[in-house]
């Protein structure tokens, strides 16, 4: 795992924990957005989008 990947995963992890801890956050929408982002990235990389 490269340094960029480690930093990206750290930022995403912190964002997800913050979303779950802080009050009045839209946790389901944030999780769905993150999931769509990763699926879209993979689909684009594989050429199946």
Protein backbone atom coordinates (compact mmCIF):
# COMPACT_ATOMS: atom_id res chain seq x y z
CA UNK A 1 0.00 0.00 0.00
CA UNK A 2 1.48 3.32 -1.04
CA UNK A 3 1.69 6.40 1.15
CA UNK A 4 -1.07 8.06 -0.87
CA UNK A 5 -3.42 5.13 -0.24
CA UNK A 6 -2.65 5.16 3.48
CA UNK A 7 -3.34 8.89 3.71
CA UNK A 8 -6.56 8.60 1.68
CA UNK A 9 -7.84 5.74 3.85
CA UNK A 10 -6.96 7.70 6.99
CA UNK A 11 -8.91 10.73 5.82
CA UNK A 12 -11.90 8.61 4.84
CA UNK A 13 -11.76 6.74 8.15
CA UNK A 14 -11.66 9.94 10.18
CA UNK A 15 -14.53 11.39 8.15
CA UNK A 16 -16.67 8.29 8.68
CA UNK A 17 -16.01 8.20 12.45
CA UNK A 18 -16.75 11.91 12.74
CA UNK A 19 -19.99 11.40 10.83
CA UNK A 20 -21.07 8.64 13.18
CA UNK A 21 -20.13 10.46 16.40
CA UNK A 22 -21.36 14.01 15.87
CA UNK A 23 -25.06 14.70 16.41
CA UNK A 24 -27.52 15.56 13.64
CA UNK A 25 -25.44 14.04 10.89
CA UNK A 26 -26.87 12.26 7.88
CA UNK A 27 -24.97 9.01 8.35
CA UNK A 28 -26.87 6.89 5.78
CA UNK A 29 -26.46 9.51 3.07
CA UNK A 30 -22.74 9.88 3.76
CA UNK A 31 -22.16 6.13 3.69
CA UNK A 32 -24.15 5.87 0.46
CA UNK A 33 -22.14 8.70 -1.11
CA UNK A 34 -18.85 7.05 -0.14
CA UNK A 35 -20.03 3.70 -1.50
CA UNK A 36 -21.15 5.26 -4.81
CA UNK A 37 -17.81 7.09 -5.09
CA UNK A 38 -15.79 3.89 -4.73
CA UNK A 39 -18.08 1.86 -6.97
CA UNK A 40 -17.98 4.58 -9.62
CA UNK A 41 -14.20 4.76 -9.45
CA UNK A 42 -13.86 1.01 -9.83
CA UNK A 43 -16.41 0.91 -12.66
CA UNK A 44 -14.53 3.64 -14.50
CA UNK A 45 -11.20 1.86 -14.00
CA UNK A 46 -12.67 -1.41 -15.31
CA UNK A 47 -14.48 0.32 -18.17
CA UNK A 48 -17.90 -0.94 -17.10
CA UNK A 49 -19.46 2.41 -16.21
